Amino acid sequence: NHIHHFAQIYLTYQPAVSLFGVGVTVSHNCIHHTAHTAILFSGNDHRIEYNEISEVCLLSDDAAAIYAGRDYTTSGTLITCNHFHDIRSSAESHSGTYAVYCDDNLGGCTVTKNLFERCQGVYFLHGGHDMTFTNNLVLHGTDNSTRVIYFCRYGYWDGDLWCDGEPHPNSAHWQ
């Protein structure tokens, strides 16, 4: 499918794809040009794979191309083999925009074998459990402050890892 220039009247929370329930696969789509999110999901055991997602979240902050949150019982979702590029916003940034955002104690997601190019932020993990981010390739941040991984637990900030490979001076230790 080729899904583009959508959510023209209601700009936020009108994704190209909404996943609910258990075991839904979203595969081989080209999604681009919207003010907010491309894919929203909740539930368990979804597969989001082989998609090209670009130029989304164009007018948003605290948002992502793929977003889920507020469900500690979520588990088993696999986000793999996707190509994310040009994910950035013209909005004044507070939290920024990301390719993948697991928010408010979401659990059980695996983000693996994806390509991230020119993304303001790559992966935002806000609380949660059993999260895996492995074997991804990050190329060409939007600038020197591109966040690769931003980790925040409720009540305090833990740190982030920046695109140039050097942790922010206030960040937690990463291995």
C-alpha atoms as a PDB file:
ATOM      1  CA  ASN A   1       0.000   0.000   0.000  1.00  0.00           C
ATOM      2  CA  HIS A   2       1.041   3.588  -0.587  1.00  0.00           C
ATOM      3  CA  ILE A   3      -0.502   5.825   2.091  1.00  0.00           C
ATOM      4  CA  HIS A   4       0.375   9.518   2.003  1.00  0.00           C
ATOM      5  CA  HIS A   5      -0.841  13.051   2.713  1.00  0.00           C
ATOM      6  CA  PHE A   6      -3.481  11.807   5.166  1.00  0.00           C
ATOM      7  CA  ALA A   7      -5.020  13.381   8.300  1.00  0.00           C
ATOM      8  CA  GLN A   8      -5.511  16.701   6.560  1.00  0.00           C
ATOM      9  CA  ILE A   9      -8.480  17.889   8.635  1.00  0.00           C
ATOM     10  CA  TYR A  10      -7.816  16.365  12.052  1.00  0.00           C
ATOM     11  CA  LEU A  11      -4.044  16.542  12.344  1.00  0.00           C
ATOM     12  CA  THR A  12      -3.316  14.305  15.335  1.00  0.00           C
ATOM     13  CA  TYR A  13      -4.197  10.731  16.279  1.00  0.00           C
ATOM     14  CA  GLN A  14      -5.423   9.970  12.754  1.00  0.00           C
ATOM     15  CA  PRO A  15      -2.752   7.424  11.755  1.00  0.00           C
ATOM     16  CA  ALA A  16      -2.436   5.606   8.469  1.00  0.00           C
ATOM     17  CA  VAL A  17      -2.787   2.338  10.411  1.00  0.00           C
ATOM     18  CA  SER A  18      -4.299   1.604  13.853  1.00  0.00           C
ATOM     19  CA  LEU A  19      -3.576  -1.824  15.335  1.00  0.00           C
ATOM     20  CA  PHE A  20      -5.703  -3.284  18.117  1.00  0.00           C
ATOM     21  CA  GLY A  21      -6.203  -6.802  19.395  1.00  0.00           C
ATOM     22  CA  VAL A  22      -3.769  -9.669  18.921  1.00  0.00           C
ATOM     23  CA  GLY A  23      -1.525 -10.849  16.095  1.00  0.00           C
ATOM     24  CA  VAL A  24      -2.019  -8.204  13.410  1.00  0.00           C
ATOM     25  CA  THR A  25       0.658  -7.821  10.726  1.00  0.00           C
ATOM     26  CA  VAL A  26       1.385  -4.524   8.968  1.00  0.00           C
ATOM     27  CA  SER A  27       3.787  -5.223   6.123  1.00  0.00           C
ATOM     28  CA  HIS A  28       5.144  -3.738   2.879  1.00  0.00           C
ATOM     29  CA  ASN A  29       3.622  -0.254   3.120  1.00  0.00           C
ATOM     30  CA  CYS A  30       4.999   3.108   2.079  1.00  0.00           C
ATOM     31  CA  ILE A  31       3.672   5.743   4.495  1.00  0.00           C
ATOM     32  CA  HIS A  32       4.618   9.414   4.301  1.00  0.00           C
ATOM     33  CA  HIS A  33       3.613  13.051   4.696  1.00  0.00           C
ATOM     34  CA  THR A  34       1.460  13.682   7.728  1.00  0.00           C
ATOM     35  CA  ALA A  35       1.466  16.007  10.721  1.00  0.00           C
ATOM     36  CA  HIS A  36       1.501  13.206  13.286  1.00  0.00           C
ATOM     37  CA  THR A  37       1.842   9.440  13.671  1.00  0.00           C
ATOM     38  CA  ALA A  38       1.946   6.812  10.904  1.00  0.00           C
ATOM     39  CA  ILE A  39       1.129   3.701  12.974  1.00  0.00           C
ATOM     40  CA  LEU A  40      -0.542   3.475  16.404  1.00  0.00           C
ATOM     41  CA  PHE A  41      -0.786   0.128  18.144  1.00  0.00           C
ATOM     42  CA  SER A  42      -2.049  -1.574  21.263  1.00  0.00           C
ATOM     43  CA  GLY A  43      -2.486  -5.240  22.106  1.00  0.00           C
ATOM     44  CA  ASN A  44      -0.152  -8.193  21.756  1.00  0.00           C
ATOM     45  CA  ASP A  45       1.935 -10.131  19.253  1.00  0.00           C
ATOM     46  CA  HIS A  46       1.793  -7.711  16.322  1.00  0.00           C
ATOM     47  CA  ARG A  47       4.339  -7.623  13.491  1.00  0.00           C
ATOM     48  CA  ILE A  48       5.251  -4.311  11.900  1.00  0.00           C
ATOM     49  CA  GLU A  49       7.689  -5.191   9.130  1.00  0.00           C
ATOM     50  CA  TYR A  50       9.094  -4.191   5.729  1.00  0.00           C
ATOM     51  CA  ASN A  51       7.533  -0.730   5.766  1.00  0.00           C
ATOM     52  CA  GLU A  52       9.045   2.514   4.526  1.00  0.00           C
ATOM     53  CA  ILE A  53       7.999   5.393   6.753  1.00  0.00           C
ATOM     54  CA  SER A  54       9.145   8.953   6.075  1.00  0.00           C
ATOM     55  CA  GLU A  55       8.190  12.573   6.615  1.00  0.00           C
ATOM     56  CA  VAL A  56       5.686  11.940   9.376  1.00  0.00           C
ATOM     57  CA  CYS A  57       5.251  13.895  12.638  1.00  0.00           C
ATOM     58  CA  LEU A  58       5.929  16.988  10.538  1.00  0.00           C
ATOM     59  CA  LEU A  59       4.009  19.335  12.866  1.00  0.00           C
ATOM     60  CA  SER A  60       4.254  17.338  16.109  1.00  0.00           C
ATOM     61  CA  ASP A  61       6.262  17.149  19.287  1.00  0.00           C
ATOM     62  CA  ASP A  62       6.407  14.246  21.731  1.00  0.00           C
ATOM     63  CA  ALA A  63       5.368  11.920  18.897  1.00  0.00           C
ATOM     64  CA  ALA A  64       6.694   9.152  16.661  1.00  0.00           C
ATOM     65  CA  ALA A  65       6.239   7.357  13.362  1.00  0.00           C
ATOM     66  CA  ILE A  66       5.258   4.223  15.332  1.00  0.00           C
ATOM     67  CA  TYR A  67       3.720   4.918  18.738  1.00  0.00           C
ATOM     68  CA  ALA A  68       2.156   2.894  21.547  1.00  0.00           C
ATOM     69  CA  GLY A  69       1.729   3.471  25.232  1.00  0.00           C
ATOM     70  CA  ARG A  70      -0.116   3.232  28.508  1.00  0.00           C
ATOM     71  CA  ASP A  71      -0.503  -0.555  28.644  1.00  0.00           C
ATOM     72  CA  TYR A  72       1.849  -2.506  30.898  1.00  0.00           C
ATOM     73  CA  THR A  73       0.300  -5.797  29.719  1.00  0.00           C
ATOM     74  CA  THR A  74       1.356  -5.329  26.094  1.00  0.00           C
ATOM     75  CA  SER A  75       3.812  -7.968  24.922  1.00  0.00           C
ATOM     76  CA  GLY A  76       5.217  -9.683  21.883  1.00  0.00           C
ATOM     77  CA  THR A  77       5.142  -6.893  19.285  1.00  0.00           C
ATOM     78  CA  LEU A  78       7.963  -7.092  16.752  1.00  0.00           C
ATOM     79  CA  ILE A  79       9.058  -4.020  14.786  1.00  0.00           C
ATOM     80  CA  THR A  80      11.545  -5.304  12.219  1.00  0.00           C
ATOM     81  CA  CYS A  81      13.077  -4.679   8.795  1.00  0.00           C
ATOM     82  CA  ASN A  82      11.523  -1.221   8.384  1.00  0.00           C
ATOM     83  CA  HIS A  83      13.149   1.804   6.781  1.00  0.00           C
ATOM     84  CA  PHE A  84      12.545   5.036   8.687  1.00  0.00           C
ATOM     85  CA  HIS A  85      13.849   8.255   7.178  1.00  0.00           C
ATOM     86  CA  ASP A  86      13.403  12.002   7.435  1.00  0.00           C
ATOM     87  CA  ILE A  87      11.458  11.818  10.703  1.00  0.00           C
ATOM     88  CA  ARG A  88      11.591  15.350  12.098  1.00  0.00           C
ATOM     89  CA  SER A  89       9.270  18.156  13.021  1.00  0.00           C
ATOM     90  CA  SER A  90       9.063  21.858  12.420  1.00  0.00           C
ATOM     91  CA  ALA A  91       7.293  22.235  15.787  1.00  0.00           C
ATOM     92  CA  GLU A  92       9.120  23.805  18.705  1.00  0.00           C
ATOM     93  CA  SER A  93      10.716  20.798  20.342  1.00  0.00           C
ATOM     94  CA  HIS A  94      10.125  19.814  23.943  1.00  0.00           C
ATOM     95  CA  SER A  95      10.523  16.043  23.717  1.00  0.00           C
ATOM     96  CA  GLY A  96      11.131  15.758  20.005  1.00  0.00           C
ATOM     97  CA  THR A  97       9.941  13.313  17.393  1.00  0.00           C
ATOM     98  CA  TYR A  98      11.111   9.710  17.089  1.00  0.00           C
ATOM     99  CA  ALA A  99      10.870   6.786  14.722  1.00  0.00           C
ATOM    100  CA  VAL A 100       9.636   4.437  17.493  1.00  0.00           C
ATOM    101  CA  TYR A 101       8.147   5.580  20.808  1.00  0.00           C
ATOM    102  CA  CYS A 102       7.135   3.132  23.538  1.00  0.00           C
ATOM    103  CA  ASP A 103       5.432   5.372  26.066  1.00  0.00           C
ATOM    104  CA  ASP A 104       4.071   5.237  29.598  1.00  0.00           C
ATOM    105  CA  ASN A 105       5.086   1.749  30.770  1.00  0.00           C
ATOM    106  CA  LEU A 106       4.386  -0.076  27.531  1.00  0.00           C
ATOM    107  CA  GLY A 107       5.902  -3.558  27.646  1.00  0.00           C
ATOM    108  CA  GLY A 108       7.291  -6.356  25.559  1.00  0.00           C
ATOM    109  CA  CYS A 109       8.404  -4.797  22.259  1.00  0.00           C
ATOM    110  CA  THR A 110      11.324  -5.895  20.118  1.00  0.00           C
ATOM    111  CA  VAL A 111      12.791  -3.344  17.708  1.00  0.00           C
ATOM    112  CA  THR A 112      15.338  -5.078  15.485  1.00  0.00           C
ATOM    113  CA  LYS A 113      16.924  -5.014  12.013  1.00  0.00           C
ATOM    114  CA  ASN A 114      15.562  -1.569  11.103  1.00  0.00           C
ATOM    115  CA  LEU A 115      17.283   1.202   9.157  1.00  0.00           C
ATOM    116  CA  PHE A 116      17.005   4.727  10.589  1.00  0.00           C
ATOM    117  CA  GLU A 117      18.173   7.677   8.439  1.00  0.00           C
ATOM    118  CA  ARG A 118      17.939  11.386   9.206  1.00  0.00           C
ATOM    119  CA  CYS A 119      15.680  10.954  12.242  1.00  0.00           C
ATOM    120  CA  GLN A 120      15.499  13.619  14.935  1.00  0.00           C
ATOM    121  CA  GLY A 121      15.194  10.758  17.417  1.00  0.00           C
ATOM    122  CA  VAL A 122      15.321   7.015  16.878  1.00  0.00           C
ATOM    123  CA  TYR A 123      13.909   5.219  19.935  1.00  0.00           C
ATOM    124  CA  PHE A 124      12.145   6.663  22.988  1.00  0.00           C
ATOM    125  CA  LEU A 125      11.512   4.277  25.848  1.00  0.00           C
ATOM    126  CA  HIS A 126       9.402   5.779  28.625  1.00  0.00           C
ATOM    127  CA  GLY A 127       9.224   3.204  31.397  1.00  0.00           C
ATOM    128  CA  GLY A 128       8.007  -0.275  30.555  1.00  0.00           C
ATOM    129  CA  HIS A 129       9.500  -3.739  30.721  1.00  0.00           C
ATOM    130  CA  ASP A 130      11.022  -6.464  28.540  1.00  0.00           C
ATOM    131  CA  MET A 131      12.060  -4.103  25.751  1.00  0.00           C
ATOM    132  CA  THR A 132      14.688  -5.059  23.149  1.00  0.00           C
ATOM    133  CA  PHE A 133      16.480  -2.715  20.742  1.00  0.00           C
ATOM    134  CA  THR A 134      19.079  -4.668  18.774  1.00  0.00           C
ATOM    135  CA  ASN A 135      20.770  -5.002  15.363  1.00  0.00           C
ATOM    136  CA  ASN A 136      19.464  -1.677  14.036  1.00  0.00           C
ATOM    137  CA  LEU A 137      21.413   0.663  11.764  1.00  0.00           C
ATOM    138  CA  VAL A 138      21.336   4.418  12.413  1.00  0.00           C
ATOM    139  CA  LEU A 139      22.683   6.729   9.701  1.00  0.00           C
ATOM    140  CA  HIS A 140      22.869  10.465   9.256  1.00  0.00           C
ATOM    141  CA  GLY A 141      21.094  12.177  12.092  1.00  0.00           C
ATOM    142  CA  THR A 142      19.273  15.413  11.367  1.00  0.00           C
ATOM    143  CA  ASP A 143      22.039  17.234  13.263  1.00  0.00           C
ATOM    144  CA  ASN A 144      24.644  16.579  15.943  1.00  0.00           C
ATOM    145  CA  SER A 145      22.010  16.325  18.671  1.00  0.00           C
ATOM    146  CA  THR A 146      20.065  13.420  17.191  1.00  0.00           C
ATOM    147  CA  ARG A 147      19.006  11.088  19.965  1.00  0.00           C
ATOM    148  CA  VAL A 148      19.505   7.430  19.200  1.00  0.00           C
ATOM    149  CA  ILE A 149      18.014   6.072  22.408  1.00  0.00           C
ATOM    150  CA  TYR A 150      16.222   8.181  24.968  1.00  0.00           C
ATOM    151  CA  PHE A 151      15.323   6.423  28.196  1.00  0.00           C
ATOM    152  CA  CYS A 152      13.129   7.970  30.847  1.00  0.00           C
ATOM    153  CA  ARG A 153      11.634   6.345  33.922  1.00  0.00           C
ATOM    154  CA  TYR A 154       8.725   7.838  35.799  1.00  0.00           C
ATOM    155  CA  GLY A 155       9.764  10.454  38.309  1.00  0.00           C
ATOM    156  CA  TYR A 156      13.224  11.151  36.915  1.00  0.00           C
ATOM    157  CA  TRP A 157      15.304  11.312  33.767  1.00  0.00           C
ATOM    158  CA  ASP A 158      17.870   8.553  33.206  1.00  0.00           C
ATOM    159  CA  GLY A 159      19.685   9.707  30.127  1.00  0.00           C
ATOM    160  CA  ASP A 160      20.119   9.304  26.457  1.00  0.00           C
ATOM    161  CA  LEU A 161      22.622   8.227  23.859  1.00  0.00           C
ATOM    162  CA  TRP A 162      23.448  10.699  21.130  1.00  0.00           C
ATOM    163  CA  CYS A 163      24.053  10.040  17.442  1.00  0.00           C
ATOM    164  CA  ASP A 164      27.763  10.847  17.529  1.00  0.00           C
ATOM    165  CA  GLY A 165      28.280   7.958  19.958  1.00  0.00           C
ATOM    166  CA  GLU A 166      29.198  10.190  22.871  1.00  0.00           C
ATOM    167  CA  PRO A 167      26.741  10.217  25.756  1.00  0.00           C
ATOM    168  CA  HIS A 168      25.309  13.501  26.869  1.00  0.00           C
ATOM    169  CA  PRO A 169      27.288  14.765  29.916  1.00  0.00           C
ATOM    170  CA  ASN A 170      24.257  14.213  32.170  1.00  0.00           C
ATOM    171  CA  SER A 171      23.365  10.780  30.832  1.00  0.00           C
ATOM    172  CA  ALA A 172      23.397   7.468  32.618  1.00  0.00           C
ATOM    173  CA  HIS A 173      26.121   4.950  31.767  1.00  0.00           C
ATOM    174  CA  TRP A 174      25.376   2.839  28.688  1.00  0.00           C
ATOM    175  CA  GLN A 175      26.920  -0.464  27.696  1.00  0.00           C
END
